[in-house]
Amino acid sequence: MSGAITIVGIFAALGTTCAWLPQVVKTWTTKNARDFSWGYLAMFSAGVALWMVYGILKKDPVIIGANAITLALVTSIAFVKKTGLSS
């Protein structure tokens, strides 16, 4: 049963992490991140970082990997917003 649980986790991680790809591509293409509030980016990033810590504590590579990638994607949106690339 453990293998089936891991497979479910992998597909869940792929779905939630890959959901950010279109938004990151759009943000970088348009150089526009105005629709993201700083509060949202901060709270979501903190939550994802805590999930990553949880994965580290549980020694779960699926949780660690998915949240590390998601955090990088969300951070790239924050970068566009912070650097003023968005007008």
PDB file of N, CA and C in Angstrom:
ATOM      1  N   MET A   1       0.818  -1.203   0.000  1.00  0.00           N
ATOM      2  CA  MET A   1       0.000   0.000   0.000  1.00  0.00           C
ATOM      3  C   MET A   1       0.859   1.263   0.000  1.00  0.00           C
ATOM      4  N   SER A   2       2.039   1.190   0.574  1.00  0.00           N
ATOM      5  CA  SER A   2       2.925   2.355   0.647  1.00  0.00           C
ATOM      6  C   SER A   2       3.271   2.884  -0.746  1.00  0.00           C
ATOM      7  N   GLY A   3       3.486   1.984  -1.705  1.00  0.00           N
ATOM      8  CA  GLY A   3       3.800   2.404  -3.064  1.00  0.00           C
ATOM      9  C   GLY A   3       2.649   3.171  -3.701  1.00  0.00           C
ATOM     10  N   ALA A   4       1.418   2.726  -3.442  1.00  0.00           N
ATOM     11  CA  ALA A   4       0.246   3.403  -3.988  1.00  0.00           C
ATOM     12  C   ALA A   4       0.097   4.794  -3.373  1.00  0.00           C
ATOM     13  N   ILE A   5       0.387   4.902  -2.095  1.00  0.00           N
ATOM     14  CA  ILE A   5       0.310   6.205  -1.415  1.00  0.00           C
ATOM     15  C   ILE A   5       1.339   7.159  -2.003  1.00  0.00           C
ATOM     16  N   THR A   6       2.537   6.662  -2.258  1.00  0.00           N
ATOM     17  CA  THR A   6       3.586   7.491  -2.850  1.00  0.00           C
ATOM     18  C   THR A   6       3.186   7.956  -4.247  1.00  0.00           C
ATOM     19  N   ILE A   7       2.582   7.078  -5.018  1.00  0.00           N
ATOM     20  CA  ILE A   7       2.151   7.449  -6.373  1.00  0.00           C
ATOM     21  C   ILE A   7       1.091   8.545  -6.315  1.00  0.00           C
ATOM     22  N   VAL A   8       0.142   8.419  -5.396  1.00  0.00           N
ATOM     23  CA  VAL A   8      -0.868   9.470  -5.224  1.00  0.00           C
ATOM     24  C   VAL A   8      -0.181  10.785  -4.857  1.00  0.00           C
ATOM     25  N   GLY A   9       0.781  10.720  -3.953  1.00  0.00           N
ATOM     26  CA  GLY A   9       1.519  11.923  -3.551  1.00  0.00           C
ATOM     27  C   GLY A   9       2.271  12.560  -4.702  1.00  0.00           C
ATOM     28  N   ILE A  10       2.881  11.736  -5.526  1.00  0.00           N
ATOM     29  CA  ILE A  10       3.622  12.263  -6.682  1.00  0.00           C
ATOM     30  C   ILE A  10       2.677  12.983  -7.646  1.00  0.00           C
ATOM     31  N   PHE A  11       1.535  12.365  -7.935  1.00  0.00           N
ATOM     32  CA  PHE A  11       0.589  13.015  -8.856  1.00  0.00           C
ATOM     33  C   PHE A  11      -0.012  14.278  -8.246  1.00  0.00           C
ATOM     34  N   ALA A  12      -0.280  14.259  -6.943  1.00  0.00           N
ATOM     35  CA  ALA A  12      -0.776  15.467  -6.272  1.00  0.00           C
ATOM     36  C   ALA A  12       0.277  16.572  -6.341  1.00  0.00           C
ATOM     37  N   ALA A  13       1.514  16.222  -6.085  1.00  0.00           N
ATOM     38  CA  ALA A  13       2.608  17.199  -6.123  1.00  0.00           C
ATOM     39  C   ALA A  13       2.785  17.759  -7.530  1.00  0.00           C
ATOM     40  N   LEU A  14       2.725  16.889  -8.534  1.00  0.00           N
ATOM     41  CA  LEU A  14       2.846  17.360  -9.920  1.00  0.00           C
ATOM     42  C   LEU A  14       1.721  18.331 -10.273  1.00  0.00           C
ATOM     43  N   GLY A  15       0.509  17.986  -9.863  1.00  0.00           N
ATOM     44  CA  GLY A  15      -0.626  18.847 -10.181  1.00  0.00           C
ATOM     45  C   GLY A  15      -0.521  20.220  -9.549  1.00  0.00           C
ATOM     46  N   THR A  16      -0.234  20.265  -8.257  1.00  0.00           N
ATOM     47  CA  THR A  16      -0.198  21.563  -7.575  1.00  0.00           C
ATOM     48  C   THR A  16       1.043  22.376  -7.943  1.00  0.00           C
ATOM     49  N   THR A  17       2.134  21.711  -8.211  1.00  0.00           N
ATOM     50  CA  THR A  17       3.349  22.434  -8.590  1.00  0.00           C
ATOM     51  C   THR A  17       3.266  22.915 -10.036  1.00  0.00           C
ATOM     52  N   CYS A  18       2.866  22.052 -10.933  1.00  0.00           N
ATOM     53  CA  CYS A  18       2.783  22.423 -12.350  1.00  0.00           C
ATOM     54  C   CYS A  18       1.697  23.467 -12.610  1.00  0.00           C
ATOM     55  N   ALA A  19       0.741  23.588 -11.715  1.00  0.00           N
ATOM     56  CA  ALA A  19      -0.302  24.610 -11.876  1.00  0.00           C
ATOM     57  C   ALA A  19       0.293  26.012 -11.884  1.00  0.00           C
ATOM     58  N   TRP A  20       1.461  26.187 -11.300  1.00  0.00           N
ATOM     59  CA  TRP A  20       2.115  27.495 -11.265  1.00  0.00           C
ATOM     60  C   TRP A  20       2.842  27.822 -12.561  1.00  0.00           C
ATOM     61  N   LEU A  21       3.163  26.834 -13.355  1.00  0.00           N
ATOM     62  CA  LEU A  21       3.943  27.090 -14.581  1.00  0.00           C
ATOM     63  C   LEU A  21       3.280  28.078 -15.537  1.00  0.00           C
ATOM     64  N   PRO A  22       1.988  27.933 -15.860  1.00  0.00           N
ATOM     65  CA  PRO A  22       1.394  28.920 -16.772  1.00  0.00           C
ATOM     66  C   PRO A  22       1.432  30.343 -16.213  1.00  0.00           C
ATOM     67  N   GLN A  23       1.262  30.484 -14.909  1.00  0.00           N
ATOM     68  CA  GLN A  23       1.282  31.818 -14.315  1.00  0.00           C
ATOM     69  C   GLN A  23       2.684  32.418 -14.345  1.00  0.00           C
ATOM     70  N   VAL A  24       3.689  31.585 -14.098  1.00  0.00           N
ATOM     71  CA  VAL A  24       5.073  32.064 -14.155  1.00  0.00           C
ATOM     72  C   VAL A  24       5.427  32.478 -15.583  1.00  0.00           C
ATOM     73  N   VAL A  25       5.052  31.658 -16.554  1.00  0.00           N
ATOM     74  CA  VAL A  25       5.325  31.996 -17.961  1.00  0.00           C
ATOM     75  C   VAL A  25       4.623  33.298 -18.327  1.00  0.00           C
ATOM     76  N   LYS A  26       3.370  33.437 -17.948  1.00  0.00           N
ATOM     77  CA  LYS A  26       2.624  34.672 -18.260  1.00  0.00           C
ATOM     78  C   LYS A  26       3.264  35.880 -17.583  1.00  0.00           C
ATOM     79  N   THR A  27       3.636  35.729 -16.312  1.00  0.00           N
ATOM     80  CA  THR A  27       4.241  36.843 -15.568  1.00  0.00           C
ATOM     81  C   THR A  27       5.545  37.293 -16.215  1.00  0.00           C
ATOM     82  N   TRP A  28       6.387  36.331 -16.579  1.00  0.00           N
ATOM     83  CA  TRP A  28       7.670  36.690 -17.189  1.00  0.00           C
ATOM     84  C   TRP A  28       7.503  37.193 -18.624  1.00  0.00           C
ATOM     85  N   THR A  29       6.533  36.669 -19.331  1.00  0.00           N
ATOM     86  CA  THR A  29       6.302  37.113 -20.709  1.00  0.00           C
ATOM     87  C   THR A  29       5.774  38.543 -20.745  1.00  0.00           C
ATOM     88  N   THR A  30       4.806  38.817 -19.886  1.00  0.00           N
ATOM     89  CA  THR A  30       4.204  40.155 -19.867  1.00  0.00           C
ATOM     90  C   THR A  30       4.973  41.124 -18.967  1.00  0.00           C
ATOM     91  N   LYS A  31       5.872  40.572 -18.153  1.00  0.00           N
ATOM     92  CA  LYS A  31       6.613  41.361 -17.158  1.00  0.00           C
ATOM     93  C   LYS A  31       5.641  42.133 -16.258  1.00  0.00           C
ATOM     94  N   ASN A  32       4.538  41.460 -15.923  1.00  0.00           N
ATOM     95  CA  ASN A  32       3.476  42.090 -15.141  1.00  0.00           C
ATOM     96  C   ASN A  32       3.067  41.170 -13.996  1.00  0.00           C
ATOM     97  N   ALA A  33       3.295  41.614 -12.768  1.00  0.00           N
ATOM     98  CA  ALA A  33       2.903  40.855 -11.573  1.00  0.00           C
ATOM     99  C   ALA A  33       2.013  41.699 -10.674  1.00  0.00           C
ATOM    100  N   ARG A  34       1.412  42.732 -11.237  1.00  0.00           N
ATOM    101  CA  ARG A  34       0.588  43.647 -10.434  1.00  0.00           C
ATOM    102  C   ARG A  34      -0.589  42.964  -9.756  1.00  0.00           C
ATOM    103  N   ASP A  35      -1.144  41.939 -10.371  1.00  0.00           N
ATOM    104  CA  ASP A  35      -2.323  41.293  -9.806  1.00  0.00           C
ATOM    105  C   ASP A  35      -2.022  40.467  -8.557  1.00  0.00           C
ATOM    106  N   PHE A  36      -0.765  40.231  -8.270  1.00  0.00           N
ATOM    107  CA  PHE A  36      -0.386  39.508  -7.058  1.00  0.00           C
ATOM    108  C   PHE A  36      -0.135  40.506  -5.937  1.00  0.00           C
ATOM    109  N   SER A  37      -0.825  40.341  -4.836  1.00  0.00           N
ATOM    110  CA  SER A  37      -0.559  41.219  -3.693  1.00  0.00           C
ATOM    111  C   SER A  37       0.659  40.685  -2.946  1.00  0.00           C
ATOM    112  N   TRP A  38       1.379  41.589  -2.305  1.00  0.00           N
ATOM    113  CA  TRP A  38       2.523  41.183  -1.492  1.00  0.00           C
ATOM    114  C   TRP A  38       2.081  40.289  -0.343  1.00  0.00           C
ATOM    115  N   GLY A  39       0.907  40.584   0.222  1.00  0.00           N
ATOM    116  CA  GLY A  39       0.397  39.752   1.311  1.00  0.00           C
ATOM    117  C   GLY A  39       0.190  38.314   0.869  1.00  0.00           C
ATOM    118  N   TYR A  40      -0.407  38.145  -0.313  1.00  0.00           N
ATOM    119  CA  TYR A  40      -0.615  36.796  -0.840  1.00  0.00           C
ATOM    120  C   TYR A  40       0.716  36.094  -1.068  1.00  0.00           C
ATOM    121  N   LEU A  41       1.630  36.768  -1.750  1.00  0.00           N
ATOM    122  CA  LEU A  41       2.921  36.141  -2.050  1.00  0.00           C
ATOM    123  C   LEU A  41       3.662  35.765  -0.773  1.00  0.00           C
ATOM    124  N   ALA A  42       3.608  36.629   0.237  1.00  0.00           N
ATOM    125  CA  ALA A  42       4.300  36.350   1.500  1.00  0.00           C
ATOM    126  C   ALA A  42       3.658  35.179   2.235  1.00  0.00           C
ATOM    127  N   MET A  43       2.335  35.197   2.359  1.00  0.00           N
ATOM    128  CA  MET A  43       1.666  34.124   3.100  1.00  0.00           C
ATOM    129  C   MET A  43       1.777  32.784   2.370  1.00  0.00           C
ATOM    130  N   PHE A  44       1.603  32.802   1.049  1.00  0.00           N
ATOM    131  CA  PHE A  44       1.704  31.554   0.304  1.00  0.00           C
ATOM    132  C   PHE A  44       3.127  31.002   0.373  1.00  0.00           C
ATOM    133  N   SER A  45       4.113  31.881   0.215  1.00  0.00           N
ATOM    134  CA  SER A  45       5.511  31.443   0.283  1.00  0.00           C
ATOM    135  C   SER A  45       5.852  30.879   1.656  1.00  0.00           C
ATOM    136  N   ALA A  46       5.365  31.521   2.704  1.00  0.00           N
ATOM    137  CA  ALA A  46       5.609  31.017   4.058  1.00  0.00           C
ATOM    138  C   ALA A  46       4.981  29.639   4.240  1.00  0.00           C
ATOM    139  N   GLY A  47       3.756  29.469   3.747  1.00  0.00           N
ATOM    140  CA  GLY A  47       3.100  28.173   3.843  1.00  0.00           C
ATOM    141  C   GLY A  47       3.849  27.081   3.090  1.00  0.00           C
ATOM    142  N   VAL A  48       4.287  27.395   1.882  1.00  0.00           N
ATOM    143  CA  VAL A  48       5.032  26.427   1.077  1.00  0.00           C
ATOM    144  C   VAL A  48       6.370  26.097   1.749  1.00  0.00           C
ATOM    145  N   ALA A  49       7.032  27.107   2.294  1.00  0.00           N
ATOM    146  CA  ALA A  49       8.302  26.874   2.994  1.00  0.00           C
ATOM    147  C   ALA A  49       8.090  25.965   4.205  1.00  0.00           C
ATOM    148  N   LEU A  50       7.009  26.191   4.919  1.00  0.00           N
ATOM    149  CA  LEU A  50       6.719  25.336   6.075  1.00  0.00           C
ATOM    150  C   LEU A  50       6.388  23.905   5.650  1.00  0.00           C
ATOM    151  N   TRP A  51       5.674  23.739   4.537  1.00  0.00           N
ATOM    152  CA  TRP A  51       5.438  22.397   4.020  1.00  0.00           C
ATOM    153  C   TRP A  51       6.756  21.722   3.651  1.00  0.00           C
ATOM    154  N   MET A  52       7.688  22.502   3.107  1.00  0.00           N
ATOM    155  CA  MET A  52       8.993  21.944   2.764  1.00  0.00           C
ATOM    156  C   MET A  52       9.736  21.497   4.024  1.00  0.00           C
ATOM    157  N   VAL A  53       9.689  22.314   5.069  1.00  0.00           N
ATOM    158  CA  VAL A  53      10.309  21.937   6.347  1.00  0.00           C
ATOM    159  C   VAL A  53       9.650  20.669   6.891  1.00  0.00           C
ATOM    160  N   TYR A  54       8.325  20.611   6.789  1.00  0.00           N
ATOM    161  CA  TYR A  54       7.597  19.419   7.219  1.00  0.00           C
ATOM    162  C   TYR A  54       8.107  18.186   6.459  1.00  0.00           C
ATOM    163  N   GLY A  55       8.271  18.331   5.154  1.00  0.00           N
ATOM    164  CA  GLY A  55       8.792  17.220   4.352  1.00  0.00           C
ATOM    165  C   GLY A  55      10.191  16.817   4.766  1.00  0.00           C
ATOM    166  N   ILE A  56      11.019  17.809   5.108  1.00  0.00           N
ATOM    167  CA  ILE A  56      12.379  17.515   5.579  1.00  0.00           C
ATOM    168  C   ILE A  56      12.315  16.743   6.893  1.00  0.00           C
ATOM    169  N   LEU A  57      11.468  17.199   7.809  1.00  0.00           N
ATOM    170  CA  LEU A  57      11.333  16.526   9.107  1.00  0.00           C
ATOM    171  C   LEU A  57      10.795  15.103   8.948  1.00  0.00           C
ATOM    172  N   LYS A  58       9.902  14.904   7.983  1.00  0.00           N
ATOM    173  CA  LYS A  58       9.333  13.576   7.726  1.00  0.00           C
ATOM    174  C   LYS A  58      10.223  12.739   6.798  1.00  0.00           C
ATOM    175  N   LYS A  59      11.273  13.388   6.252  1.00  0.00           N
ATOM    176  CA  LYS A  59      12.162  12.735   5.290  1.00  0.00           C
ATOM    177  C   LYS A  59      11.369  12.213   4.083  1.00  0.00           C
ATOM    178  N   ASP A  60      10.493  13.075   3.574  1.00  0.00           N
ATOM    179  CA  ASP A  60       9.638  12.715   2.444  1.00  0.00           C
ATOM    180  C   ASP A  60      10.074  13.501   1.215  1.00  0.00           C
ATOM    181  N   PRO A  61      10.774  12.837   0.287  1.00  0.00           N
ATOM    182  CA  PRO A  61      11.309  13.554  -0.878  1.00  0.00           C
ATOM    183  C   PRO A  61      10.234  14.151  -1.779  1.00  0.00           C
ATOM    184  N   VAL A  62       9.054  13.557  -1.833  1.00  0.00           N
ATOM    185  CA  VAL A  62       7.981  14.105  -2.667  1.00  0.00           C
ATOM    186  C   VAL A  62       7.538  15.464  -2.128  1.00  0.00           C
ATOM    187  N   ILE A  63       7.314  15.549  -0.830  1.00  0.00           N
ATOM    188  CA  ILE A  63       6.900  16.815  -0.207  1.00  0.00           C
ATOM    189  C   ILE A  63       8.015  17.846  -0.321  1.00  0.00           C
ATOM    190  N   ILE A  64       9.226  17.435  -0.081  1.00  0.00           N
ATOM    191  CA  ILE A  64      10.372  18.356  -0.158  1.00  0.00           C
ATOM    192  C   ILE A  64      10.517  18.905  -1.582  1.00  0.00           C
ATOM    193  N   GLY A  65      10.557  18.011  -2.553  1.00  0.00           N
ATOM    194  CA  GLY A  65      10.782  18.421  -3.938  1.00  0.00           C
ATOM    195  C   GLY A  65       9.677  19.305  -4.485  1.00  0.00           C
ATOM    196  N   ALA A  66       8.436  18.897  -4.272  1.00  0.00           N
ATOM    197  CA  ALA A  66       7.314  19.677  -4.800  1.00  0.00           C
ATOM    198  C   ALA A  66       7.291  21.076  -4.215  1.00  0.00           C
ATOM    199  N   ASN A  67       7.516  21.181  -2.926  1.00  0.00           N
ATOM    200  CA  ASN A  67       7.447  22.494  -2.292  1.00  0.00           C
ATOM    201  C   ASN A  67       8.670  23.345  -2.595  1.00  0.00           C
ATOM    202  N   ALA A  68       9.825  22.724  -2.788  1.00  0.00           N
ATOM    203  CA  ALA A  68      11.010  23.489  -3.196  1.00  0.00           C
ATOM    204  C   ALA A  68      10.794  24.100  -4.583  1.00  0.00           C
ATOM    205  N   ILE A  69      10.238  23.312  -5.493  1.00  0.00           N
ATOM    206  CA  ILE A  69       9.987  23.815  -6.844  1.00  0.00           C
ATOM    207  C   ILE A  69       8.903  24.891  -6.824  1.00  0.00           C
ATOM    208  N   THR A  70       7.823  24.643  -6.083  1.00  0.00           N
ATOM    209  CA  THR A  70       6.752  25.642  -5.988  1.00  0.00           C
ATOM    210  C   THR A  70       7.276  26.941  -5.400  1.00  0.00           C
ATOM    211  N   LEU A  71       8.094  26.845  -4.366  1.00  0.00           N
ATOM    212  CA  LEU A  71       8.663  28.045  -3.755  1.00  0.00           C
ATOM    213  C   LEU A  71       9.524  28.816  -4.749  1.00  0.00           C
ATOM    214  N   ALA A  72      10.291  28.097  -5.555  1.00  0.00           N
ATOM    215  CA  ALA A  72      11.111  28.761  -6.580  1.00  0.00           C
ATOM    216  C   ALA A  72      10.228  29.458  -7.621  1.00  0.00           C
ATOM    217  N   LEU A  73       9.146  28.817  -8.024  1.00  0.00           N
ATOM    218  CA  LEU A  73       8.253  29.419  -9.015  1.00  0.00           C
ATOM    219  C   LEU A  73       7.585  30.676  -8.464  1.00  0.00           C
ATOM    220  N   VAL A  74       7.090  30.594  -7.240  1.00  0.00           N
ATOM    221  CA  VAL A  74       6.428  31.757  -6.633  1.00  0.00           C
ATOM    222  C   VAL A  74       7.444  32.872  -6.380  1.00  0.00           C
ATOM    223  N   THR A  75       8.656  32.504  -5.992  1.00  0.00           N
ATOM    224  CA  THR A  75       9.704  33.497  -5.779  1.00  0.00           C
ATOM    225  C   THR A  75      10.035  34.221  -7.078  1.00  0.00           C
ATOM    226  N   SER A  76       9.965  33.504  -8.193  1.00  0.00           N
ATOM    227  CA  SER A  76      10.255  34.171  -9.478  1.00  0.00           C
ATOM    228  C   SER A  76       9.183  35.211  -9.804  1.00  0.00           C
ATOM    229  N   ILE A  77       7.952  34.957  -9.405  1.00  0.00           N
ATOM    230  CA  ILE A  77       6.891  35.958  -9.593  1.00  0.00           C
ATOM    231  C   ILE A  77       7.147  37.158  -8.684  1.00  0.00           C
ATOM    232  N   ALA A  78       7.542  36.886  -7.445  1.00  0.00           N
ATOM    233  CA  ALA A  78       7.874  37.977  -6.519  1.00  0.00           C
ATOM    234  C   ALA A  78       9.038  38.803  -7.050  1.00  0.00           C
ATOM    235  N   PHE A  79       9.990  38.145  -7.713  1.00  0.00           N
ATOM    236  CA  PHE A  79      11.129  38.851  -8.296  1.00  0.00           C
ATOM    237  C   PHE A  79      10.662  39.839  -9.364  1.00  0.00           C
ATOM    238  N   VAL A  80       9.763  39.393 -10.224  1.00  0.00           N
ATOM    239  CA  VAL A  80       9.240  40.292 -11.270  1.00  0.00           C
ATOM    240  C   VAL A  80       8.544  41.482 -10.605  1.00  0.00           C
ATOM    241  N   LYS A  81       7.761  41.210  -9.579  1.00  0.00           N
ATOM    242  CA  LYS A  81       7.043  42.276  -8.884  1.00  0.00           C
ATOM    243  C   LYS A  81       8.016  43.233  -8.201  1.00  0.00           C
ATOM    244  N   LYS A  82       9.014  42.715  -7.523  1.00  0.00           N
ATOM    245  CA  LYS A  82       9.961  43.534  -6.746  1.00  0.00           C
ATOM    246  C   LYS A  82      10.868  44.373  -7.645  1.00  0.00           C
ATOM    247  N   THR A  83      11.350  43.802  -8.715  1.00  0.00           N
ATOM    248  CA  THR A  83      12.329  44.509  -9.550  1.00  0.00           C
ATOM    249  C   THR A  83      11.709  45.604 -10.388  1.00  0.00           C
ATOM    250  N   GLY A  84      10.397  45.696 -10.332  1.00  0.00           N
ATOM    251  CA  GLY A  84       9.763  46.745 -11.095  1.00  0.00           C
ATOM    252  C   GLY A  84       9.654  46.434 -12.566  1.00  0.00           C
ATOM    253  N   LEU A  85       9.901  45.158 -12.924  1.00  0.00           N
ATOM    254  CA  LEU A  85       9.710  44.782 -14.311  1.00  0.00           C
ATOM    255  C   LEU A  85       8.253  45.021 -14.705  1.00  0.00           C
ATOM    256  N   SER A  86       7.360  44.854 -13.691  1.00  0.00           N
ATOM    257  CA  SER A  86       5.952  45.136 -13.975  1.00  0.00           C
ATOM    258  C   SER A  86       5.702  46.621 -13.795  1.00  0.00           C
ATOM    259  N   SER A  87       5.098  47.204 -14.777  1.00  0.00           N
ATOM    260  CA  SER A  87       4.900  48.652 -14.716  1.00  0.00           C
ATOM    261  C   SER A  87       3.594  49.011 -14.072  1.00  0.00           C
TER     262      SER A  87
END
